Amino acid sequence: MSRILESGIPLDPAVVEALRASCRGLSICQIGSPVENTIFDLEHSGTGYMLSVEICNHAPGILGIEQYRLESPWPESDFRWLEDPRKLRPCEVSYSFPKYGPEGLDRECVLNHRVGRNGRLLPGGCTRGFLCGVGQACIPDEYQDRQRVRMQLSLVATRGTELTLDVDLVLNREVQIRRQRQLEKFRRTPKRRGILA
């Protein structure tokens, strides 16, 4: 709409005002490649979640992000966002998943800690980055490697306003595939008997 108006094409003032009113507040959208939007098995059980989003403030005043929520497609009782590495160690500057997964994500590229006082967006301001979390539940076996899974991300903003976004994540089952291959190899290895065994 802004581009149309800037080019000199007239629009009905009532339509313009209605569109502007509908855009006031925060908006959130998924960005990035499938590699940046993934769910993966962790080495010692559990699941890692990584998604890439952009959040913009279209309101005339400062708005803040209070919290993020992610709904898993399978039962997950103990999901948590990775903690700010500076809370764990003051000199730490990168987020990392417990074993396996993208390690060393620079703190400035991750939005997990951008909540509360750190989650304020000025009018017209945008922030983009990763949200990274872990869950205790394993990915159920019926989900295949490279399968797309739809989940729902919620953003709770200032004054309790809540935005929801359907996000598509790609499953990475490399750890599970490796475990299955090792198990197959172990089963095919002949069992030794006697003193040497």
N, C-alpha and C. Protein backbone atom coordinates (compact mmCIF):
# COMPACT_ATOMS: atom_id res chain seq x y z
N MET A 1 0.82 -1.18 0.00
CA MET A 1 0.00 0.00 0.00
C MET A 1 0.88 1.26 0.00
N SER A 2 1.97 1.25 0.81
CA SER A 2 2.87 2.41 0.86
C SER A 2 3.48 2.68 -0.51
N ARG A 3 3.86 1.62 -1.20
CA ARG A 3 4.47 1.78 -2.53
C ARG A 3 3.46 2.34 -3.54
N ILE A 4 2.23 1.89 -3.45
CA ILE A 4 1.18 2.39 -4.36
C ILE A 4 0.97 3.89 -4.12
N LEU A 5 0.87 4.28 -2.85
CA LEU A 5 0.66 5.69 -2.53
C LEU A 5 1.86 6.55 -2.96
N GLU A 6 3.09 6.03 -2.72
CA GLU A 6 4.29 6.77 -3.12
C GLU A 6 4.37 6.95 -4.63
N SER A 7 3.84 6.01 -5.40
CA SER A 7 3.91 6.11 -6.86
C SER A 7 2.86 7.09 -7.41
N GLY A 8 1.99 7.62 -6.52
CA GLY A 8 1.01 8.62 -6.97
C GLY A 8 -0.35 8.06 -7.32
N ILE A 9 -0.54 6.76 -7.14
CA ILE A 9 -1.85 6.16 -7.44
C ILE A 9 -2.77 6.41 -6.25
N PRO A 10 -3.92 7.05 -6.46
CA PRO A 10 -4.81 7.36 -5.33
C PRO A 10 -5.54 6.10 -4.83
N LEU A 11 -5.74 6.06 -3.53
CA LEU A 11 -6.54 5.00 -2.91
C LEU A 11 -7.62 5.66 -2.06
N ASP A 12 -8.71 4.95 -1.88
CA ASP A 12 -9.81 5.44 -1.05
C ASP A 12 -9.27 5.66 0.38
N PRO A 13 -9.44 6.85 0.96
CA PRO A 13 -8.91 7.14 2.31
C PRO A 13 -9.42 6.17 3.37
N ALA A 14 -10.66 5.72 3.26
CA ALA A 14 -11.20 4.78 4.25
C ALA A 14 -10.47 3.44 4.17
N VAL A 15 -10.13 3.00 2.95
CA VAL A 15 -9.40 1.74 2.76
C VAL A 15 -7.99 1.88 3.33
N VAL A 16 -7.35 3.02 3.05
CA VAL A 16 -5.99 3.27 3.56
C VAL A 16 -5.98 3.23 5.08
N GLU A 17 -6.93 3.89 5.72
CA GLU A 17 -6.98 3.91 7.19
C GLU A 17 -7.25 2.52 7.76
N ALA A 18 -8.15 1.77 7.11
CA ALA A 18 -8.44 0.41 7.57
C ALA A 18 -7.21 -0.48 7.48
N LEU A 19 -6.46 -0.35 6.38
CA LEU A 19 -5.23 -1.15 6.23
C LEU A 19 -4.18 -0.74 7.25
N ARG A 20 -4.03 0.54 7.48
CA ARG A 20 -3.05 1.00 8.48
C ARG A 20 -3.43 0.51 9.87
N ALA A 21 -4.72 0.58 10.20
CA ALA A 21 -5.17 0.12 11.53
C ALA A 21 -4.92 -1.36 11.71
N SER A 22 -5.10 -2.15 10.64
CA SER A 22 -4.91 -3.60 10.75
C SER A 22 -3.44 -3.97 10.91
N CYS A 23 -2.54 -3.08 10.53
CA CYS A 23 -1.10 -3.36 10.60
C CYS A 23 -0.45 -2.82 11.86
N ARG A 24 -1.21 -2.13 12.70
CA ARG A 24 -0.61 -1.55 13.91
C ARG A 24 -0.34 -2.66 14.92
N GLY A 25 0.82 -2.62 15.51
CA GLY A 25 1.21 -3.63 16.49
C GLY A 25 2.39 -4.42 15.98
N LEU A 26 2.60 -5.57 16.58
CA LEU A 26 3.71 -6.43 16.18
C LEU A 26 3.28 -7.38 15.08
N SER A 27 4.22 -7.74 14.23
CA SER A 27 3.98 -8.81 13.26
C SER A 27 5.14 -9.78 13.38
N ILE A 28 4.89 -11.03 13.07
CA ILE A 28 5.92 -12.06 13.12
C ILE A 28 5.79 -12.92 11.88
N CYS A 29 6.92 -13.27 11.27
CA CYS A 29 6.89 -14.17 10.11
C CYS A 29 8.12 -15.08 10.15
N GLN A 30 7.97 -16.24 9.55
CA GLN A 30 9.06 -17.19 9.47
C GLN A 30 9.94 -16.82 8.28
N ILE A 31 11.26 -16.88 8.48
CA ILE A 31 12.21 -16.57 7.42
C ILE A 31 13.27 -17.68 7.38
N GLY A 32 14.17 -17.61 6.43
CA GLY A 32 15.30 -18.54 6.40
C GLY A 32 15.03 -19.80 5.61
N SER A 33 16.09 -20.58 5.48
CA SER A 33 16.06 -21.83 4.71
C SER A 33 15.60 -22.99 5.59
N PRO A 34 15.33 -24.17 4.98
CA PRO A 34 14.97 -25.35 5.78
C PRO A 34 16.04 -25.73 6.81
N VAL A 35 17.31 -25.47 6.51
CA VAL A 35 18.38 -25.79 7.46
C VAL A 35 18.27 -24.91 8.70
N GLU A 36 17.71 -23.71 8.54
CA GLU A 36 17.55 -22.80 9.67
C GLU A 36 16.23 -22.98 10.40
N ASN A 37 15.40 -23.88 9.91
CA ASN A 37 14.09 -24.16 10.51
C ASN A 37 13.96 -25.67 10.62
N THR A 38 14.49 -26.21 11.72
CA THR A 38 14.63 -27.66 11.80
C THR A 38 14.34 -28.19 13.21
N ILE A 39 13.98 -29.46 13.24
CA ILE A 39 13.82 -30.22 14.48
C ILE A 39 14.75 -31.41 14.34
N PHE A 40 15.52 -31.72 15.37
CA PHE A 40 16.49 -32.81 15.23
C PHE A 40 16.63 -33.59 16.53
N ASP A 41 17.03 -34.88 16.38
CA ASP A 41 17.30 -35.74 17.53
C ASP A 41 18.58 -35.27 18.20
N LEU A 42 18.57 -35.22 19.53
CA LEU A 42 19.80 -34.94 20.26
C LEU A 42 20.55 -36.24 20.51
N GLU A 43 21.84 -36.15 20.69
CA GLU A 43 22.70 -37.33 20.81
C GLU A 43 22.28 -38.26 21.95
N HIS A 44 21.98 -37.70 23.11
CA HIS A 44 21.66 -38.53 24.28
C HIS A 44 20.19 -38.41 24.65
N SER A 45 19.33 -38.60 23.67
CA SER A 45 17.87 -38.53 23.78
C SER A 45 17.38 -37.08 23.89
N GLY A 46 16.16 -36.89 23.54
CA GLY A 46 15.58 -35.56 23.51
C GLY A 46 15.60 -34.98 22.11
N THR A 47 15.09 -33.79 21.98
CA THR A 47 14.90 -33.16 20.68
C THR A 47 15.35 -31.70 20.71
N GLY A 48 15.98 -31.26 19.62
CA GLY A 48 16.36 -29.86 19.47
C GLY A 48 15.43 -29.18 18.47
N TYR A 49 15.11 -27.92 18.73
CA TYR A 49 14.23 -27.13 17.87
C TYR A 49 14.96 -25.82 17.51
N MET A 50 14.96 -25.49 16.23
CA MET A 50 15.56 -24.23 15.80
C MET A 50 14.70 -23.64 14.70
N LEU A 51 14.28 -22.38 14.87
CA LEU A 51 13.51 -21.73 13.83
C LEU A 51 13.97 -20.28 13.69
N SER A 52 13.78 -19.76 12.49
CA SER A 52 14.24 -18.42 12.16
C SER A 52 13.02 -17.53 11.89
N VAL A 53 12.96 -16.41 12.60
CA VAL A 53 11.79 -15.52 12.49
C VAL A 53 12.21 -14.05 12.39
N GLU A 54 11.27 -13.24 11.91
CA GLU A 54 11.44 -11.79 11.90
C GLU A 54 10.24 -11.19 12.62
N ILE A 55 10.50 -10.24 13.52
CA ILE A 55 9.45 -9.59 14.29
C ILE A 55 9.57 -8.08 14.05
N CYS A 56 8.46 -7.43 13.69
CA CYS A 56 8.46 -6.00 13.39
C CYS A 56 7.40 -5.28 14.21
N ASN A 57 7.71 -4.04 14.57
CA ASN A 57 6.78 -3.19 15.30
C ASN A 57 6.20 -2.15 14.34
N HIS A 58 4.90 -2.25 14.06
CA HIS A 58 4.22 -1.31 13.17
C HIS A 58 3.43 -0.25 13.94
N ALA A 59 3.53 -0.30 15.26
CA ALA A 59 2.77 0.64 16.09
C ALA A 59 3.52 1.96 16.22
N PRO A 60 2.81 3.02 16.58
CA PRO A 60 3.48 4.32 16.75
C PRO A 60 4.30 4.42 18.03
N GLY A 61 4.16 3.45 18.95
CA GLY A 61 4.92 3.48 20.21
C GLY A 61 5.80 2.25 20.36
N ILE A 62 6.58 2.23 21.44
CA ILE A 62 7.46 1.09 21.75
C ILE A 62 6.61 -0.09 22.20
N LEU A 63 6.89 -1.26 21.65
CA LEU A 63 6.22 -2.50 22.08
C LEU A 63 7.28 -3.49 22.53
N GLY A 64 6.90 -4.34 23.44
CA GLY A 64 7.85 -5.31 23.97
C GLY A 64 7.38 -6.74 23.80
N ILE A 65 8.35 -7.65 23.75
CA ILE A 65 8.07 -9.08 23.67
C ILE A 65 8.26 -9.64 25.07
N GLU A 66 7.24 -10.31 25.57
CA GLU A 66 7.30 -10.86 26.93
C GLU A 66 7.71 -12.33 26.94
N GLN A 67 7.26 -13.09 25.94
CA GLN A 67 7.59 -14.51 25.94
C GLN A 67 7.26 -15.15 24.60
N TYR A 68 7.93 -16.28 24.34
CA TYR A 68 7.67 -17.10 23.15
C TYR A 68 7.16 -18.45 23.62
N ARG A 69 6.25 -19.05 22.83
CA ARG A 69 5.74 -20.40 23.12
C ARG A 69 5.74 -21.20 21.83
N LEU A 70 6.05 -22.48 21.94
CA LEU A 70 6.05 -23.36 20.76
C LEU A 70 5.28 -24.63 21.10
N GLU A 71 4.31 -24.97 20.24
CA GLU A 71 3.51 -26.18 20.46
C GLU A 71 4.07 -27.30 19.60
N SER A 72 4.46 -28.37 20.25
CA SER A 72 5.01 -29.54 19.55
C SER A 72 3.88 -30.42 19.01
N PRO A 73 4.10 -31.08 17.85
CA PRO A 73 3.04 -31.94 17.32
C PRO A 73 2.92 -33.28 18.06
N TRP A 74 3.86 -33.58 18.92
CA TRP A 74 3.79 -34.79 19.75
C TRP A 74 3.83 -34.36 21.21
N PRO A 75 3.40 -35.25 22.14
CA PRO A 75 3.38 -34.87 23.56
C PRO A 75 4.78 -34.48 24.05
N GLU A 76 4.89 -33.30 24.61
CA GLU A 76 6.18 -32.80 25.10
C GLU A 76 5.92 -32.06 26.41
N SER A 77 6.28 -32.68 27.52
CA SER A 77 5.97 -32.08 28.83
C SER A 77 7.08 -31.17 29.34
N ASP A 78 8.27 -31.27 28.77
CA ASP A 78 9.39 -30.53 29.34
C ASP A 78 10.15 -29.72 28.29
N PHE A 79 9.42 -29.00 27.43
CA PHE A 79 10.09 -28.15 26.44
C PHE A 79 10.60 -26.89 27.14
N ARG A 80 11.77 -26.41 26.74
CA ARG A 80 12.29 -25.14 27.26
C ARG A 80 13.15 -24.47 26.20
N TRP A 81 13.13 -23.15 26.20
CA TRP A 81 14.02 -22.39 25.33
C TRP A 81 15.42 -22.43 25.94
N LEU A 82 16.44 -22.46 25.11
CA LEU A 82 17.81 -22.42 25.63
C LEU A 82 18.02 -21.12 26.40
N GLU A 83 18.73 -21.23 27.52
CA GLU A 83 18.97 -20.05 28.34
C GLU A 83 20.03 -19.16 27.75
N ASP A 84 19.94 -17.89 28.09
CA ASP A 84 20.93 -16.91 27.67
C ASP A 84 22.30 -17.36 28.17
N PRO A 85 23.27 -17.53 27.27
CA PRO A 85 24.59 -18.01 27.72
C PRO A 85 25.25 -17.08 28.73
N ARG A 86 24.90 -15.80 28.70
CA ARG A 86 25.50 -14.85 29.65
C ARG A 86 24.98 -15.08 31.07
N LYS A 87 23.79 -15.67 31.20
CA LYS A 87 23.29 -16.02 32.53
C LYS A 87 24.06 -17.21 33.09
N LEU A 88 24.46 -18.12 32.20
CA LEU A 88 25.18 -19.31 32.63
C LEU A 88 26.65 -18.98 32.93
N ARG A 89 27.29 -18.25 32.02
CA ARG A 89 28.68 -17.81 32.18
C ARG A 89 28.78 -16.40 31.61
N PRO A 90 29.12 -15.41 32.43
CA PRO A 90 29.12 -14.01 31.97
C PRO A 90 29.97 -13.74 30.72
N CYS A 91 31.03 -14.51 30.50
CA CYS A 91 31.88 -14.24 29.32
C CYS A 91 31.45 -15.05 28.09
N GLU A 92 30.44 -15.89 28.23
CA GLU A 92 29.98 -16.73 27.10
C GLU A 92 29.21 -15.88 26.09
N VAL A 93 29.48 -16.11 24.81
CA VAL A 93 28.82 -15.30 23.77
C VAL A 93 28.05 -16.12 22.75
N SER A 94 27.90 -17.43 22.98
CA SER A 94 27.17 -18.22 22.00
C SER A 94 26.24 -19.23 22.66
N TYR A 95 25.13 -19.47 21.98
CA TYR A 95 24.17 -20.49 22.39
C TYR A 95 24.63 -21.82 21.80
N SER A 96 24.42 -22.92 22.52
CA SER A 96 24.72 -24.23 21.93
C SER A 96 23.75 -25.25 22.48
N PHE A 97 23.43 -26.24 21.63
CA PHE A 97 22.54 -27.32 22.01
C PHE A 97 23.35 -28.38 22.75
N PRO A 98 22.71 -29.14 23.66
CA PRO A 98 23.44 -30.21 24.33
C PRO A 98 23.76 -31.32 23.33
N LYS A 99 25.03 -31.49 23.03
CA LYS A 99 25.50 -32.46 22.03
C LYS A 99 24.72 -32.29 20.74
N TYR A 100 25.17 -32.58 19.68
CA TYR A 100 24.55 -32.52 18.36
C TYR A 100 23.67 -31.30 18.13
N GLY A 101 23.79 -30.78 17.00
CA GLY A 101 22.99 -29.62 16.62
C GLY A 101 23.90 -28.47 16.28
N PRO A 102 23.34 -27.40 15.78
CA PRO A 102 24.18 -26.25 15.43
C PRO A 102 24.86 -25.74 16.70
N GLU A 103 26.16 -25.82 16.76
CA GLU A 103 26.87 -25.34 17.94
C GLU A 103 27.42 -23.96 17.69
N GLY A 104 27.54 -23.20 18.73
CA GLY A 104 28.15 -21.90 18.63
C GLY A 104 27.34 -20.87 17.87
N LEU A 105 26.01 -20.86 18.02
CA LEU A 105 25.21 -19.79 17.42
C LEU A 105 25.48 -18.51 18.20
N ASP A 106 25.98 -17.50 17.52
CA ASP A 106 26.32 -16.23 18.14
C ASP A 106 25.11 -15.67 18.88
N ARG A 107 25.32 -15.19 20.08
CA ARG A 107 24.23 -14.66 20.92
C ARG A 107 23.43 -13.59 20.20
N GLU A 108 24.07 -12.77 19.40
CA GLU A 108 23.37 -11.70 18.69
C GLU A 108 22.45 -12.21 17.58
N CYS A 109 22.61 -13.48 17.18
CA CYS A 109 21.76 -14.07 16.14
C CYS A 109 20.58 -14.83 16.72
N VAL A 110 20.48 -14.89 18.05
CA VAL A 110 19.43 -15.65 18.71
C VAL A 110 18.52 -14.70 19.48
N LEU A 111 17.21 -14.95 19.40
CA LEU A 111 16.21 -14.07 20.03
C LEU A 111 15.75 -14.56 21.40
N ASN A 112 16.22 -15.71 21.86
CA ASN A 112 15.74 -16.27 23.12
C ASN A 112 15.78 -15.27 24.28
N HIS A 113 16.87 -14.51 24.36
CA HIS A 113 17.03 -13.58 25.49
C HIS A 113 16.37 -12.22 25.23
N ARG A 114 15.80 -12.05 24.06
CA ARG A 114 15.16 -10.76 23.73
C ARG A 114 13.70 -10.76 24.17
N VAL A 115 13.53 -10.79 25.46
CA VAL A 115 12.21 -10.72 26.08
C VAL A 115 12.30 -9.75 27.26
N GLY A 116 11.14 -9.29 27.72
CA GLY A 116 11.14 -8.36 28.85
C GLY A 116 11.85 -7.07 28.46
N ARG A 117 12.77 -6.61 29.31
CA ARG A 117 13.52 -5.37 29.02
C ARG A 117 14.31 -5.45 27.73
N ASN A 118 14.82 -6.64 27.41
CA ASN A 118 15.63 -6.82 26.19
C ASN A 118 14.77 -7.03 24.94
N GLY A 119 13.45 -7.13 25.11
CA GLY A 119 12.58 -7.41 23.97
C GLY A 119 11.82 -6.21 23.46
N ARG A 120 12.29 -5.02 23.78
CA ARG A 120 11.58 -3.81 23.35
C ARG A 120 11.94 -3.46 21.92
N LEU A 121 10.90 -3.11 21.13
CA LEU A 121 11.09 -2.69 19.74
C LEU A 121 10.56 -1.29 19.55
N LEU A 122 11.39 -0.42 18.99
CA LEU A 122 10.98 0.95 18.69
C LEU A 122 9.99 0.97 17.52
N PRO A 123 9.22 2.02 17.35
CA PRO A 123 8.31 2.11 16.20
C PRO A 123 9.07 1.94 14.89
N GLY A 124 8.58 1.06 14.04
CA GLY A 124 9.23 0.79 12.77
C GLY A 124 10.41 -0.15 12.88
N GLY A 125 10.75 -0.58 14.09
CA GLY A 125 11.90 -1.46 14.29
C GLY A 125 11.58 -2.91 14.00
N CYS A 126 12.58 -3.63 13.53
CA CYS A 126 12.46 -5.07 13.27
C CYS A 126 13.64 -5.79 13.87
N THR A 127 13.43 -7.01 14.27
CA THR A 127 14.51 -7.87 14.73
C THR A 127 14.33 -9.22 14.08
N ARG A 128 15.42 -9.84 13.74
CA ARG A 128 15.34 -11.19 13.14
C ARG A 128 16.42 -12.06 13.75
N GLY A 129 16.11 -13.35 13.82
CA GLY A 129 17.08 -14.28 14.39
C GLY A 129 16.45 -15.63 14.67
N PHE A 130 17.21 -16.45 15.40
CA PHE A 130 16.79 -17.81 15.70
C PHE A 130 16.12 -17.89 17.07
N LEU A 131 15.17 -18.81 17.18
CA LEU A 131 14.65 -19.25 18.46
C LEU A 131 15.09 -20.69 18.62
N CYS A 132 15.74 -21.01 19.73
CA CYS A 132 16.33 -22.34 19.92
C CYS A 132 15.82 -22.95 21.22
N GLY A 133 15.34 -24.19 21.13
CA GLY A 133 14.82 -24.86 22.32
C GLY A 133 15.14 -26.34 22.31
N VAL A 134 14.89 -26.97 23.45
CA VAL A 134 15.08 -28.41 23.59
C VAL A 134 13.89 -29.00 24.32
N GLY A 135 13.61 -30.27 24.01
CA GLY A 135 12.56 -31.01 24.68
C GLY A 135 13.09 -32.35 25.14
N GLN A 136 12.48 -32.91 26.17
CA GLN A 136 12.91 -34.21 26.68
C GLN A 136 12.36 -35.37 25.87
N ALA A 137 11.19 -35.16 25.24
CA ALA A 137 10.58 -36.24 24.46
C ALA A 137 11.36 -36.45 23.16
N CYS A 138 11.47 -37.70 22.75
CA CYS A 138 12.12 -38.03 21.48
C CYS A 138 11.10 -37.88 20.34
N ILE A 139 11.60 -37.64 19.15
CA ILE A 139 10.73 -37.58 17.98
C ILE A 139 10.15 -38.98 17.77
N PRO A 140 8.83 -39.12 17.68
CA PRO A 140 8.25 -40.46 17.47
C PRO A 140 8.77 -41.11 16.19
N ASP A 141 8.87 -42.44 16.19
CA ASP A 141 9.45 -43.20 15.07
C ASP A 141 8.68 -43.04 13.76
N GLU A 142 7.39 -42.70 13.83
CA GLU A 142 6.63 -42.58 12.58
C GLU A 142 7.02 -41.35 11.76
N TYR A 143 7.76 -40.42 12.37
CA TYR A 143 8.23 -39.24 11.64
C TYR A 143 9.54 -39.55 10.93
N GLN A 144 9.59 -39.25 9.63
CA GLN A 144 10.73 -39.62 8.78
C GLN A 144 11.71 -38.46 8.61
N ASP A 145 12.95 -38.82 8.27
CA ASP A 145 13.98 -37.83 7.97
C ASP A 145 13.52 -36.95 6.80
N ARG A 146 13.72 -35.66 6.91
CA ARG A 146 13.38 -34.64 5.90
C ARG A 146 11.88 -34.38 5.77
N GLN A 147 11.08 -34.96 6.65
CA GLN A 147 9.64 -34.70 6.63
C GLN A 147 9.38 -33.29 7.17
N ARG A 148 8.41 -32.61 6.58
CA ARG A 148 8.02 -31.29 7.07
C ARG A 148 6.95 -31.45 8.16
N VAL A 149 7.10 -30.66 9.21
CA VAL A 149 6.17 -30.71 10.33
C VAL A 149 5.68 -29.29 10.60
N ARG A 150 4.39 -29.13 10.74
CA ARG A 150 3.82 -27.81 11.04
C ARG A 150 3.61 -27.70 12.55
N MET A 151 4.06 -26.56 13.09
CA MET A 151 3.91 -26.30 14.51
C MET A 151 3.34 -24.89 14.67
N GLN A 152 3.00 -24.54 15.90
CA GLN A 152 2.47 -23.19 16.13
C GLN A 152 3.38 -22.46 17.12
N LEU A 153 3.85 -21.29 16.68
CA LEU A 153 4.67 -20.42 17.52
C LEU A 153 3.78 -19.28 17.99
N SER A 154 3.84 -18.98 19.28
CA SER A 154 3.09 -17.85 19.84
C SER A 154 4.06 -16.86 20.43
N LEU A 155 3.74 -15.60 20.27
CA LEU A 155 4.54 -14.51 20.83
C LEU A 155 3.61 -13.70 21.72
N VAL A 156 3.97 -13.59 22.98
CA VAL A 156 3.17 -12.79 23.92
C VAL A 156 3.85 -11.43 24.03
N ALA A 157 3.11 -10.38 23.67
CA ALA A 157 3.67 -9.03 23.64
C ALA A 157 3.16 -8.22 24.84
N THR A 158 3.59 -6.97 24.89
CA THR A 158 3.18 -6.04 25.94
C THR A 158 1.66 -6.02 26.06
N ARG A 159 1.20 -5.89 27.29
CA ARG A 159 -0.23 -5.84 27.61
C ARG A 159 -0.97 -7.14 27.27
N GLY A 160 -0.26 -8.25 27.21
CA GLY A 160 -0.89 -9.55 27.01
C GLY A 160 -1.34 -9.87 25.61
N THR A 161 -1.02 -9.01 24.65
CA THR A 161 -1.38 -9.29 23.25
C THR A 161 -0.63 -10.55 22.81
N GLU A 162 -1.34 -11.45 22.15
CA GLU A 162 -0.69 -12.69 21.69
C GLU A 162 -0.84 -12.85 20.19
N LEU A 163 0.28 -13.11 19.53
CA LEU A 163 0.30 -13.40 18.09
C LEU A 163 0.63 -14.86 17.91
N THR A 164 0.01 -15.50 16.94
CA THR A 164 0.37 -16.89 16.63
C THR A 164 0.76 -17.00 15.17
N LEU A 165 1.68 -17.92 14.91
CA LEU A 165 2.19 -18.13 13.57
C LEU A 165 2.37 -19.62 13.35
N ASP A 166 1.85 -20.14 12.25
CA ASP A 166 2.12 -21.52 11.87
C ASP A 166 3.50 -21.56 11.22
N VAL A 167 4.37 -22.42 11.73
CA VAL A 167 5.73 -22.54 11.19
C VAL A 167 5.95 -23.94 10.66
N ASP A 168 6.66 -24.05 9.55
CA ASP A 168 7.01 -25.34 8.97
C ASP A 168 8.47 -25.63 9.28
N LEU A 169 8.70 -26.76 9.94
CA LEU A 169 10.05 -27.17 10.29
C LEU A 169 10.36 -28.50 9.61
N VAL A 170 11.62 -28.71 9.28
CA VAL A 170 12.05 -29.94 8.61
C VAL A 170 12.74 -30.83 9.63
N LEU A 171 12.36 -32.11 9.63
CA LEU A 171 12.96 -33.06 10.57
C LEU A 171 14.33 -33.51 10.08
N ASN A 172 15.27 -33.53 10.99
CA ASN A 172 16.60 -34.07 10.72
C ASN A 172 16.77 -35.27 11.64
N ARG A 173 16.72 -36.48 11.06
CA ARG A 173 16.81 -37.72 11.85
C ARG A 173 18.18 -38.38 11.72
N GLU A 174 19.25 -37.62 11.44
CA GLU A 174 20.57 -38.20 11.23
C GLU A 174 21.05 -39.02 12.42
N VAL A 175 20.81 -38.54 13.63
CA VAL A 175 21.24 -39.27 14.83
C VAL A 175 20.50 -40.60 14.92
N GLN A 176 19.18 -40.58 14.68
CA GLN A 176 18.39 -41.81 14.72
C GLN A 176 18.83 -42.78 13.63
N ILE A 177 19.10 -42.27 12.42
CA ILE A 177 19.56 -43.13 11.32
C ILE A 177 20.89 -43.76 11.68
N ARG A 178 21.80 -42.98 12.25
CA ARG A 178 23.11 -43.51 12.65
C ARG A 178 22.96 -44.59 13.73
N ARG A 179 22.07 -44.37 14.69
CA ARG A 179 21.83 -45.37 15.74
C ARG A 179 21.31 -46.68 15.13
N GLN A 180 20.36 -46.56 14.19
CA GLN A 180 19.80 -47.76 13.55
C GLN A 180 20.87 -48.52 12.78
N ARG A 181 21.76 -47.80 12.07
CA ARG A 181 22.84 -48.47 11.33
C ARG A 181 23.79 -49.18 12.27
N GLN A 182 24.12 -48.56 13.39
CA GLN A 182 25.01 -49.20 14.36
C GLN A 182 24.36 -50.46 14.95
N LEU A 183 23.06 -50.38 15.20
CA LEU A 183 22.34 -51.54 15.73
C LEU A 183 22.31 -52.68 14.72
N GLU A 184 22.07 -52.35 13.44
CA GLU A 184 22.07 -53.36 12.37
C GLU A 184 23.45 -54.01 12.26
N LYS A 185 24.48 -53.19 12.30
CA LYS A 185 25.85 -53.70 12.20
C LYS A 185 26.16 -54.63 13.37
N PHE A 186 25.72 -54.25 14.57
CA PHE A 186 25.94 -55.07 15.75
C PHE A 186 25.22 -56.41 15.62
N ARG A 187 24.00 -56.39 15.08
CA ARG A 187 23.22 -57.63 14.92
C ARG A 187 23.85 -58.56 13.90
N ARG A 188 24.48 -57.97 12.86
CA ARG A 188 25.09 -58.80 11.80
C ARG A 188 26.45 -59.35 12.19
N THR A 189 27.10 -58.75 13.20
CA THR A 189 28.42 -59.21 13.62
C THR A 189 28.28 -60.57 14.28
N PRO A 190 29.07 -61.60 13.79
CA PRO A 190 28.96 -62.93 14.39
C PRO A 190 29.42 -62.91 15.85
N LYS A 191 28.69 -63.66 16.67
CA LYS A 191 29.03 -63.71 18.09
C LYS A 191 30.15 -64.71 18.29
N ARG A 192 31.19 -64.29 19.03
CA ARG A 192 32.34 -65.17 19.28
C ARG A 192 32.09 -65.99 20.52
N ARG A 193 32.60 -67.18 20.49
CA ARG A 193 32.45 -68.07 21.64
C ARG A 193 33.82 -68.58 22.07
N GLY A 194 33.91 -69.09 23.27
CA GLY A 194 35.14 -69.68 23.74
C GLY A 194 36.01 -68.69 24.51
N ILE A 195 37.27 -69.04 24.64
CA ILE A 195 38.21 -68.27 25.47
C ILE A 195 38.44 -66.88 24.90
N LEU A 196 38.63 -66.76 23.56
CA LEU A 196 38.89 -65.46 22.96
C LEU A 196 37.71 -64.50 23.10
N ALA A 197 36.50 -65.06 23.10
CA ALA A 197 35.33 -64.21 23.23
C ALA A 197 35.32 -63.60 24.61
